[in-house]
Amino acid sequence: DTIIKFCLEALEFFEQFQIDMLIIACNTASAYALDALRAKAHFPVYGVIDAGVEATIKALHDKNKEILVIATKATIKSEEYQKRLLSQGYTNINALATGLFVPMVEEGIFEG
């Protein structure tokens, strides 16, 4: 609920800039708030989970190959990647919550 509320407040703020499209470049926001944002917005709203699944479909034709999804705890808990990939016929999907992933990226730690 907090994620959805925050995203809807952000949408309300950005609508004053008369944008024509919104890309949610955050897995967690895409997992939890995309439907709510699409319902409220007066323009197309896209999330990164859709793009990740579409890229998998294009790149991995053998649906029995192993797929590993790494993301925040919240994204993994949502099971959005797993559900969408399963619905496309992929059978070996593993998901790993990486608790330190976001803080490391936000702090600019890319090596070491």
N, C-alpha and C. Protein backbone atom coordinates (compact mmCIF):
# COMPACT_ATOMS: atom_id res chain seq x y z
N ASP A 1 0.81 -1.20 0.00
CA ASP A 1 0.00 0.00 0.00
C ASP A 1 0.86 1.27 0.00
N THR A 2 1.97 1.24 0.73
CA THR A 2 2.85 2.41 0.78
C THR A 2 3.46 2.68 -0.58
N ILE A 3 3.88 1.62 -1.26
CA ILE A 3 4.49 1.78 -2.58
C ILE A 3 3.47 2.35 -3.56
N ILE A 4 2.27 1.81 -3.54
CA ILE A 4 1.23 2.30 -4.44
C ILE A 4 0.91 3.76 -4.14
N LYS A 5 0.76 4.10 -2.89
CA LYS A 5 0.45 5.48 -2.50
C LYS A 5 1.55 6.43 -2.96
N PHE A 6 2.80 6.06 -2.72
CA PHE A 6 3.92 6.90 -3.13
C PHE A 6 3.94 7.09 -4.65
N CYS A 7 3.72 6.01 -5.38
CA CYS A 7 3.74 6.09 -6.85
C CYS A 7 2.59 6.95 -7.38
N LEU A 8 1.41 6.82 -6.78
CA LEU A 8 0.28 7.65 -7.21
C LEU A 8 0.52 9.12 -6.90
N GLU A 9 1.15 9.41 -5.77
CA GLU A 9 1.50 10.80 -5.45
C GLU A 9 2.52 11.34 -6.45
N ALA A 10 3.48 10.51 -6.82
CA ALA A 10 4.48 10.93 -7.82
C ALA A 10 3.80 11.18 -9.17
N LEU A 11 2.87 10.31 -9.54
CA LEU A 11 2.13 10.49 -10.79
C LEU A 11 1.38 11.82 -10.78
N GLU A 12 0.72 12.11 -9.69
CA GLU A 12 -0.02 13.37 -9.57
C GLU A 12 0.91 14.56 -9.75
N PHE A 13 2.09 14.49 -9.15
CA PHE A 13 3.07 15.57 -9.29
C PHE A 13 3.52 15.73 -10.74
N PHE A 14 3.86 14.62 -11.39
CA PHE A 14 4.41 14.69 -12.74
C PHE A 14 3.38 15.03 -13.81
N GLU A 15 2.11 14.84 -13.52
CA GLU A 15 1.08 15.18 -14.51
C GLU A 15 1.09 16.66 -14.85
N GLN A 16 1.57 17.52 -13.96
CA GLN A 16 1.61 18.95 -14.26
C GLN A 16 2.58 19.27 -15.40
N PHE A 17 3.48 18.36 -15.71
CA PHE A 17 4.46 18.59 -16.77
C PHE A 17 3.97 18.11 -18.13
N GLN A 18 2.73 17.68 -18.21
CA GLN A 18 2.10 17.25 -19.45
C GLN A 18 2.94 16.22 -20.19
N ILE A 19 3.33 15.18 -19.49
CA ILE A 19 4.12 14.12 -20.12
C ILE A 19 3.22 13.26 -21.00
N ASP A 20 3.82 12.59 -21.97
CA ASP A 20 3.08 11.75 -22.91
C ASP A 20 3.23 10.26 -22.63
N MET A 21 4.19 9.91 -21.79
CA MET A 21 4.42 8.51 -21.45
C MET A 21 5.20 8.46 -20.15
N LEU A 22 4.97 7.39 -19.38
CA LEU A 22 5.71 7.19 -18.14
C LEU A 22 6.33 5.80 -18.16
N ILE A 23 7.62 5.74 -17.88
CA ILE A 23 8.33 4.47 -17.76
C ILE A 23 8.71 4.30 -16.30
N ILE A 24 8.23 3.22 -15.70
CA ILE A 24 8.57 2.91 -14.31
C ILE A 24 9.82 2.04 -14.35
N ALA A 25 10.98 2.65 -14.11
CA ALA A 25 12.26 1.95 -14.20
C ALA A 25 12.67 1.40 -12.84
N CYS A 26 11.71 0.82 -12.16
CA CYS A 26 11.95 0.24 -10.84
C CYS A 26 11.13 -1.05 -10.76
N ASN A 27 11.80 -2.15 -10.51
CA ASN A 27 11.10 -3.43 -10.44
C ASN A 27 10.02 -3.44 -9.36
N THR A 28 10.34 -2.93 -8.18
CA THR A 28 9.39 -2.98 -7.08
C THR A 28 8.14 -2.15 -7.39
N ALA A 29 8.33 -0.95 -7.90
CA ALA A 29 7.18 -0.12 -8.27
C ALA A 29 6.39 -0.76 -9.40
N SER A 30 7.09 -1.37 -10.35
CA SER A 30 6.41 -2.06 -11.44
C SER A 30 5.58 -3.23 -10.92
N ALA A 31 6.13 -3.95 -9.96
CA ALA A 31 5.44 -5.12 -9.41
C ALA A 31 4.18 -4.75 -8.64
N TYR A 32 4.25 -3.68 -7.88
CA TYR A 32 3.15 -3.36 -6.97
C TYR A 32 2.22 -2.25 -7.44
N ALA A 33 2.71 -1.31 -8.23
CA ALA A 33 1.92 -0.11 -8.52
C ALA A 33 1.55 0.08 -9.98
N LEU A 34 2.04 -0.75 -10.87
CA LEU A 34 1.83 -0.52 -12.30
C LEU A 34 0.34 -0.46 -12.66
N ASP A 35 -0.45 -1.40 -12.18
CA ASP A 35 -1.88 -1.41 -12.51
C ASP A 35 -2.57 -0.15 -11.99
N ALA A 36 -2.25 0.26 -10.78
CA ALA A 36 -2.85 1.47 -10.21
C ALA A 36 -2.45 2.71 -11.01
N LEU A 37 -1.19 2.76 -11.43
CA LEU A 37 -0.73 3.90 -12.22
C LEU A 37 -1.41 3.93 -13.58
N ARG A 38 -1.53 2.77 -14.21
CA ARG A 38 -2.20 2.71 -15.51
C ARG A 38 -3.66 3.13 -15.40
N ALA A 39 -4.31 2.78 -14.31
CA ALA A 39 -5.71 3.13 -14.12
C ALA A 39 -5.90 4.64 -13.93
N LYS A 40 -4.92 5.32 -13.36
CA LYS A 40 -5.02 6.75 -13.06
C LYS A 40 -4.47 7.66 -14.16
N ALA A 41 -3.47 7.18 -14.88
CA ALA A 41 -2.76 8.03 -15.84
C ALA A 41 -3.59 8.25 -17.11
N HIS A 42 -3.35 9.39 -17.73
CA HIS A 42 -4.01 9.73 -18.99
C HIS A 42 -3.05 9.55 -20.16
N PHE A 43 -2.07 8.69 -19.98
CA PHE A 43 -1.04 8.41 -20.98
C PHE A 43 -0.54 7.00 -20.71
N PRO A 44 0.18 6.41 -21.66
CA PRO A 44 0.68 5.04 -21.45
C PRO A 44 1.71 4.98 -20.32
N VAL A 45 1.64 3.90 -19.55
CA VAL A 45 2.59 3.65 -18.45
C VAL A 45 3.18 2.27 -18.66
N TYR A 46 4.50 2.19 -18.69
CA TYR A 46 5.20 0.93 -18.90
C TYR A 46 6.11 0.64 -17.72
N GLY A 47 6.27 -0.62 -17.41
CA GLY A 47 7.15 -1.03 -16.32
C GLY A 47 8.26 -1.93 -16.82
N VAL A 48 9.29 -2.07 -16.03
CA VAL A 48 10.46 -2.85 -16.45
C VAL A 48 10.22 -4.36 -16.41
N ILE A 49 9.26 -4.82 -15.65
CA ILE A 49 9.01 -6.26 -15.61
C ILE A 49 8.53 -6.74 -16.97
N ASP A 50 7.63 -5.99 -17.59
CA ASP A 50 7.18 -6.35 -18.94
C ASP A 50 8.36 -6.45 -19.90
N ALA A 51 9.25 -5.47 -19.82
CA ALA A 51 10.42 -5.47 -20.71
C ALA A 51 11.33 -6.66 -20.44
N GLY A 52 11.52 -7.01 -19.18
CA GLY A 52 12.36 -8.15 -18.84
C GLY A 52 11.78 -9.46 -19.35
N VAL A 53 10.49 -9.61 -19.22
CA VAL A 53 9.83 -10.83 -19.71
C VAL A 53 9.88 -10.88 -21.24
N GLU A 54 9.61 -9.76 -21.90
CA GLU A 54 9.68 -9.71 -23.36
C GLU A 54 11.09 -10.02 -23.85
N ALA A 55 12.11 -9.51 -23.18
CA ALA A 55 13.49 -9.80 -23.57
C ALA A 55 13.80 -11.29 -23.40
N THR A 56 13.27 -11.89 -22.35
CA THR A 56 13.47 -13.33 -22.13
C THR A 56 12.84 -14.12 -23.26
N ILE A 57 11.63 -13.76 -23.64
CA ILE A 57 10.92 -14.46 -24.71
C ILE A 57 11.72 -14.39 -26.01
N LYS A 58 12.27 -13.22 -26.31
CA LYS A 58 13.05 -13.04 -27.54
C LYS A 58 14.37 -13.80 -27.51
N ALA A 59 15.01 -13.85 -26.35
CA ALA A 59 16.37 -14.40 -26.26
C ALA A 59 16.43 -15.87 -25.91
N LEU A 60 15.45 -16.38 -25.21
CA LEU A 60 15.54 -17.74 -24.68
C LEU A 60 14.37 -18.58 -25.20
N HIS A 61 14.63 -19.27 -26.31
CA HIS A 61 13.56 -20.04 -26.95
C HIS A 61 13.34 -21.40 -26.30
N ASP A 62 14.36 -21.95 -25.67
CA ASP A 62 14.22 -23.22 -24.95
C ASP A 62 13.62 -22.92 -23.58
N LYS A 63 12.37 -23.24 -23.42
CA LYS A 63 11.65 -22.87 -22.20
C LYS A 63 11.98 -23.75 -21.01
N ASN A 64 12.87 -24.71 -21.20
CA ASN A 64 13.32 -25.56 -20.09
C ASN A 64 14.65 -25.11 -19.51
N LYS A 65 15.25 -24.07 -20.07
CA LYS A 65 16.52 -23.56 -19.56
C LYS A 65 16.31 -22.89 -18.20
N GLU A 66 17.39 -22.84 -17.42
CA GLU A 66 17.33 -22.24 -16.08
C GLU A 66 17.34 -20.71 -16.19
N ILE A 67 16.43 -20.07 -15.49
CA ILE A 67 16.36 -18.62 -15.42
C ILE A 67 16.53 -18.21 -13.96
N LEU A 68 17.39 -17.24 -13.72
CA LEU A 68 17.57 -16.70 -12.38
C LEU A 68 17.13 -15.24 -12.38
N VAL A 69 16.21 -14.91 -11.51
CA VAL A 69 15.76 -13.53 -11.32
C VAL A 69 16.38 -13.04 -10.01
N ILE A 70 17.16 -11.95 -10.09
CA ILE A 70 17.67 -11.33 -8.86
C ILE A 70 17.00 -9.96 -8.73
N ALA A 71 16.57 -9.66 -7.53
CA ALA A 71 15.86 -8.40 -7.30
C ALA A 71 15.77 -8.16 -5.81
N THR A 72 15.12 -7.07 -5.46
CA THR A 72 14.89 -6.77 -4.05
C THR A 72 13.94 -7.81 -3.45
N LYS A 73 13.91 -7.86 -2.13
CA LYS A 73 13.00 -8.77 -1.45
C LYS A 73 11.56 -8.52 -1.87
N ALA A 74 11.18 -7.27 -1.97
CA ALA A 74 9.80 -6.93 -2.32
C ALA A 74 9.44 -7.40 -3.72
N THR A 75 10.34 -7.22 -4.67
CA THR A 75 10.07 -7.66 -6.04
C THR A 75 9.95 -9.18 -6.10
N ILE A 76 10.86 -9.88 -5.46
CA ILE A 76 10.81 -11.35 -5.45
C ILE A 76 9.53 -11.82 -4.75
N LYS A 77 9.18 -11.18 -3.65
CA LYS A 77 7.97 -11.56 -2.90
C LYS A 77 6.71 -11.38 -3.75
N SER A 78 6.70 -10.40 -4.63
CA SER A 78 5.54 -10.16 -5.49
C SER A 78 5.31 -11.31 -6.47
N GLU A 79 6.38 -12.02 -6.80
CA GLU A 79 6.37 -13.14 -7.75
C GLU A 79 5.92 -12.73 -9.15
N GLU A 80 6.02 -11.44 -9.48
CA GLU A 80 5.58 -10.98 -10.80
C GLU A 80 6.41 -11.59 -11.93
N TYR A 81 7.73 -11.59 -11.79
CA TYR A 81 8.55 -12.20 -12.83
C TYR A 81 8.22 -13.68 -12.97
N GLN A 82 8.16 -14.37 -11.84
CA GLN A 82 7.90 -15.80 -11.87
C GLN A 82 6.55 -16.10 -12.52
N LYS A 83 5.51 -15.39 -12.13
CA LYS A 83 4.17 -15.63 -12.68
C LYS A 83 4.13 -15.37 -14.18
N ARG A 84 4.73 -14.27 -14.59
CA ARG A 84 4.69 -13.91 -16.02
C ARG A 84 5.51 -14.88 -16.87
N LEU A 85 6.66 -15.29 -16.35
CA LEU A 85 7.47 -16.25 -17.10
C LEU A 85 6.79 -17.62 -17.14
N LEU A 86 6.21 -18.04 -16.04
CA LEU A 86 5.46 -19.31 -16.03
C LEU A 86 4.31 -19.26 -17.02
N SER A 87 3.63 -18.13 -17.11
CA SER A 87 2.50 -18.01 -18.04
C SER A 87 2.95 -18.09 -19.49
N GLN A 88 4.24 -17.85 -19.74
CA GLN A 88 4.79 -17.96 -21.09
C GLN A 88 5.39 -19.34 -21.36
N GLY A 89 5.27 -20.24 -20.38
CA GLY A 89 5.73 -21.61 -20.58
C GLY A 89 7.11 -21.93 -20.05
N TYR A 90 7.79 -20.97 -19.45
CA TYR A 90 9.11 -21.24 -18.87
C TYR A 90 8.92 -22.05 -17.59
N THR A 91 9.76 -23.05 -17.39
CA THR A 91 9.52 -23.99 -16.30
C THR A 91 10.55 -23.94 -15.18
N ASN A 92 11.75 -23.48 -15.45
CA ASN A 92 12.82 -23.49 -14.44
C ASN A 92 13.21 -22.07 -14.05
N ILE A 93 12.42 -21.49 -13.18
CA ILE A 93 12.64 -20.11 -12.77
C ILE A 93 13.02 -20.09 -11.30
N ASN A 94 14.19 -19.55 -11.03
CA ASN A 94 14.65 -19.39 -9.66
C ASN A 94 14.70 -17.90 -9.35
N ALA A 95 14.38 -17.55 -8.13
CA ALA A 95 14.36 -16.14 -7.73
C ALA A 95 15.20 -15.96 -6.48
N LEU A 96 16.03 -14.94 -6.49
CA LEU A 96 16.92 -14.67 -5.37
C LEU A 96 16.77 -13.21 -4.93
N ALA A 97 16.35 -13.03 -3.70
CA ALA A 97 16.27 -11.68 -3.14
C ALA A 97 17.67 -11.26 -2.69
N THR A 98 18.10 -10.13 -3.17
CA THR A 98 19.44 -9.62 -2.86
C THR A 98 19.29 -8.36 -2.02
N GLY A 99 19.26 -8.55 -0.72
CA GLY A 99 18.99 -7.46 0.22
C GLY A 99 19.92 -6.27 0.12
N LEU A 100 21.18 -6.50 -0.19
CA LEU A 100 22.14 -5.38 -0.26
C LEU A 100 22.24 -4.76 -1.65
N PHE A 101 21.53 -5.32 -2.60
CA PHE A 101 21.64 -4.88 -3.99
C PHE A 101 21.29 -3.39 -4.14
N VAL A 102 20.14 -2.99 -3.66
CA VAL A 102 19.71 -1.60 -3.82
C VAL A 102 20.65 -0.63 -3.11
N PRO A 103 20.99 -0.85 -1.84
CA PRO A 103 21.91 0.10 -1.19
C PRO A 103 23.25 0.23 -1.92
N MET A 104 23.76 -0.88 -2.44
CA MET A 104 25.04 -0.82 -3.16
C MET A 104 24.91 0.01 -4.43
N VAL A 105 23.86 -0.20 -5.18
CA VAL A 105 23.66 0.57 -6.41
C VAL A 105 23.45 2.04 -6.09
N GLU A 106 22.62 2.32 -5.09
CA GLU A 106 22.35 3.70 -4.71
C GLU A 106 23.61 4.43 -4.23
N GLU A 107 24.53 3.70 -3.64
CA GLU A 107 25.78 4.30 -3.16
C GLU A 107 26.86 4.32 -4.24
N GLY A 108 26.54 3.81 -5.42
CA GLY A 108 27.49 3.83 -6.52
C GLY A 108 28.59 2.80 -6.40
N ILE A 109 28.34 1.72 -5.68
CA ILE A 109 29.33 0.66 -5.53
C ILE A 109 29.13 -0.34 -6.66
N PHE A 110 29.97 -0.23 -7.69
CA PHE A 110 29.84 -1.08 -8.86
C PHE A 110 30.98 -2.08 -9.00
N GLU A 111 32.01 -1.96 -8.18
CA GLU A 111 33.17 -2.84 -8.27
C GLU A 111 33.58 -3.27 -6.87
N GLY A 112 34.32 -4.41 -6.83
CA GLY A 112 34.91 -4.81 -5.56
C GLY A 112 34.16 -5.75 -4.75
